[in-house]
């Protein structure tokens, strides 16, 4: 028998009790993380970036 931590056991039990949970997680992830980025817009951000000074807290 392999060792399973309490956290792993808890998650397995949770998924057994709530089979729809994984689909809900994927929907939530799609809202915040799985986005298509506009490459032209990203290039514009990269071009507009200002170089940081070596020591940012030093006054001129």
N, C-alpha and C. Protein backbone atom coordinates (compact mmCIF):
# COMPACT_ATOMS: atom_id res chain seq x y z
N UNK A 1 0.84 -1.19 0.00
CA UNK A 1 0.00 0.00 0.00
C UNK A 1 0.88 1.24 0.00
N UNK A 2 0.55 2.19 -0.86
CA UNK A 2 1.31 3.43 -0.95
C UNK A 2 0.80 4.44 0.07
N UNK A 3 1.71 5.28 0.52
CA UNK A 3 1.36 6.33 1.46
C UNK A 3 0.59 7.43 0.74
N UNK A 4 -0.48 7.92 1.35
CA UNK A 4 -1.23 9.08 0.87
C UNK A 4 -1.34 10.07 2.00
N UNK A 5 -0.96 11.29 1.73
CA UNK A 5 -1.05 12.32 2.76
C UNK A 5 -2.51 12.64 3.06
N UNK A 6 -2.73 13.31 4.18
CA UNK A 6 -4.08 13.70 4.54
C UNK A 6 -4.68 14.64 3.50
N UNK A 7 -3.85 15.50 2.93
CA UNK A 7 -4.32 16.44 1.92
C UNK A 7 -4.79 15.68 0.67
N UNK A 8 -4.04 14.69 0.25
CA UNK A 8 -4.41 13.89 -0.91
C UNK A 8 -5.70 13.11 -0.64
N UNK A 9 -5.81 12.56 0.55
CA UNK A 9 -7.04 11.85 0.91
C UNK A 9 -8.24 12.79 0.93
N UNK A 10 -8.04 13.99 1.47
CA UNK A 10 -9.12 14.98 1.51
C UNK A 10 -9.58 15.34 0.11
N UNK A 11 -8.63 15.60 -0.78
CA UNK A 11 -8.99 15.98 -2.15
C UNK A 11 -9.69 14.84 -2.88
N UNK A 12 -9.25 13.62 -2.68
CA UNK A 12 -9.91 12.47 -3.31
C UNK A 12 -11.34 12.33 -2.80
N UNK A 13 -11.52 12.50 -1.51
CA UNK A 13 -12.86 12.41 -0.93
C UNK A 13 -13.75 13.55 -1.45
N UNK A 14 -13.20 14.74 -1.53
CA UNK A 14 -13.94 15.90 -2.04
C UNK A 14 -14.39 15.68 -3.48
N UNK A 15 -13.50 15.17 -4.32
CA UNK A 15 -13.85 14.90 -5.72
C UNK A 15 -14.89 13.79 -5.84
N UNK A 16 -14.85 12.81 -4.94
CA UNK A 16 -15.86 11.75 -4.96
C UNK A 16 -17.23 12.29 -4.55
N UNK A 17 -17.24 13.20 -3.56
CA UNK A 17 -18.50 13.75 -3.08
C UNK A 17 -19.08 14.78 -4.04
N UNK A 18 -18.22 15.47 -4.76
CA UNK A 18 -18.66 16.53 -5.68
C UNK A 18 -18.03 16.31 -7.06
N UNK A 19 -18.60 15.43 -7.86
CA UNK A 19 -17.99 15.12 -9.17
C UNK A 19 -17.97 16.31 -10.14
N UNK A 20 -18.84 17.28 -9.94
CA UNK A 20 -18.88 18.45 -10.82
C UNK A 20 -17.79 19.48 -10.49
N UNK A 21 -17.07 19.27 -9.40
CA UNK A 21 -16.09 20.24 -8.93
C UNK A 21 -14.99 20.53 -9.95
N UNK A 22 -14.50 19.51 -10.61
CA UNK A 22 -13.41 19.71 -11.57
C UNK A 22 -13.85 20.58 -12.75
N UNK A 23 -15.08 20.37 -13.22
CA UNK A 23 -15.60 21.21 -14.30
C UNK A 23 -15.73 22.66 -13.86
N UNK A 24 -16.15 22.87 -12.64
CA UNK A 24 -16.27 24.23 -12.10
C UNK A 24 -14.89 24.88 -12.00
N UNK A 25 -13.88 24.12 -11.61
CA UNK A 25 -12.52 24.65 -11.55
C UNK A 25 -12.04 25.08 -12.93
N UNK A 26 -12.31 24.27 -13.93
CA UNK A 26 -11.89 24.59 -15.29
C UNK A 26 -12.60 25.82 -15.82
N UNK A 27 -13.87 25.99 -15.48
CA UNK A 27 -14.61 27.19 -15.89
C UNK A 27 -14.01 28.43 -15.23
N UNK A 28 -13.69 28.32 -13.95
CA UNK A 28 -13.08 29.44 -13.24
C UNK A 28 -11.72 29.80 -13.81
N UNK A 29 -10.94 28.79 -14.14
CA UNK A 29 -9.63 29.05 -14.72
C UNK A 29 -9.77 29.74 -16.08
N UNK A 30 -10.74 29.32 -16.87
CA UNK A 30 -10.94 29.92 -18.19
C UNK A 30 -11.30 31.39 -18.07
N UNK A 31 -12.00 31.77 -17.01
CA UNK A 31 -12.37 33.17 -16.83
C UNK A 31 -11.16 34.06 -16.61
N UNK A 32 -10.16 33.54 -15.88
CA UNK A 32 -9.05 34.39 -15.46
C UNK A 32 -7.74 34.14 -16.20
N UNK A 33 -7.47 32.89 -16.59
CA UNK A 33 -6.13 32.56 -17.06
C UNK A 33 -6.04 32.16 -18.52
N UNK A 34 -6.99 31.42 -19.02
CA UNK A 34 -6.89 30.89 -20.38
C UNK A 34 -7.40 31.93 -21.37
N UNK A 35 -6.58 32.91 -21.66
CA UNK A 35 -6.95 34.01 -22.55
C UNK A 35 -6.04 34.02 -23.78
N UNK A 36 -6.62 34.41 -24.88
CA UNK A 36 -5.83 34.62 -26.09
C UNK A 36 -5.32 36.07 -26.07
N UNK A 37 -4.02 36.24 -26.24
CA UNK A 37 -3.43 37.57 -26.21
C UNK A 37 -3.29 38.11 -27.62
N UNK A 38 -3.51 39.42 -27.76
CA UNK A 38 -3.33 40.10 -29.04
C UNK A 38 -1.83 40.36 -29.22
N UNK A 39 -1.24 39.69 -30.20
CA UNK A 39 0.22 39.79 -30.38
C UNK A 39 0.67 41.20 -30.73
N UNK A 40 -0.12 41.91 -31.55
CA UNK A 40 0.26 43.28 -31.90
C UNK A 40 0.23 44.19 -30.67
N UNK A 41 -0.75 44.00 -29.84
CA UNK A 41 -0.86 44.79 -28.62
C UNK A 41 0.31 44.48 -27.69
N UNK A 42 0.68 43.22 -27.56
CA UNK A 42 1.80 42.83 -26.72
C UNK A 42 3.11 43.41 -27.25
N UNK A 43 3.28 43.44 -28.57
CA UNK A 43 4.48 44.04 -29.17
C UNK A 43 4.54 45.53 -28.85
N UNK A 44 3.39 46.20 -28.90
CA UNK A 44 3.34 47.62 -28.56
C UNK A 44 3.74 47.86 -27.11
N UNK A 45 3.30 47.00 -26.20
CA UNK A 45 3.70 47.13 -24.81
C UNK A 45 5.20 46.96 -24.67
N UNK A 46 5.76 46.00 -25.41
CA UNK A 46 7.19 45.72 -25.33
C UNK A 46 7.99 46.92 -25.85
N UNK A 47 7.54 47.52 -26.94
CA UNK A 47 8.24 48.67 -27.52
C UNK A 47 8.14 49.89 -26.61
N UNK A 48 7.04 50.06 -25.90
CA UNK A 48 6.84 51.23 -25.06
C UNK A 48 7.54 51.12 -23.71
N UNK A 49 8.11 49.98 -23.42
CA UNK A 49 8.74 49.76 -22.12
C UNK A 49 9.97 50.66 -21.97
N UNK A 50 10.08 51.27 -20.81
CA UNK A 50 11.20 52.16 -20.51
C UNK A 50 12.23 51.37 -19.71
N UNK A 51 13.49 51.51 -20.08
CA UNK A 51 14.55 50.79 -19.38
C UNK A 51 14.66 51.27 -17.94
N UNK A 52 14.84 50.34 -17.03
CA UNK A 52 14.97 50.67 -15.62
C UNK A 52 16.41 51.04 -15.30
N UNK A 53 16.58 52.05 -14.45
CA UNK A 53 17.92 52.45 -14.04
C UNK A 53 18.52 51.36 -13.16
N UNK A 54 19.87 51.27 -13.12
CA UNK A 54 20.51 50.22 -12.33
C UNK A 54 20.12 50.26 -10.84
N UNK A 55 20.02 51.44 -10.28
CA UNK A 55 19.63 51.56 -8.88
C UNK A 55 18.41 52.47 -8.83
N UNK A 56 17.24 51.90 -8.69
CA UNK A 56 15.99 52.66 -8.85
C UNK A 56 15.74 53.69 -7.76
N UNK A 57 16.36 53.55 -6.60
CA UNK A 57 16.09 54.48 -5.50
C UNK A 57 17.03 55.67 -5.49
N UNK A 58 18.01 55.69 -6.37
CA UNK A 58 18.95 56.80 -6.42
C UNK A 58 18.29 57.98 -7.12
N UNK A 59 18.42 59.16 -6.51
CA UNK A 59 17.90 60.36 -7.18
C UNK A 59 18.89 60.78 -8.26
N UNK A 60 18.45 61.61 -9.14
CA UNK A 60 19.29 62.03 -10.28
C UNK A 60 20.54 62.66 -9.78
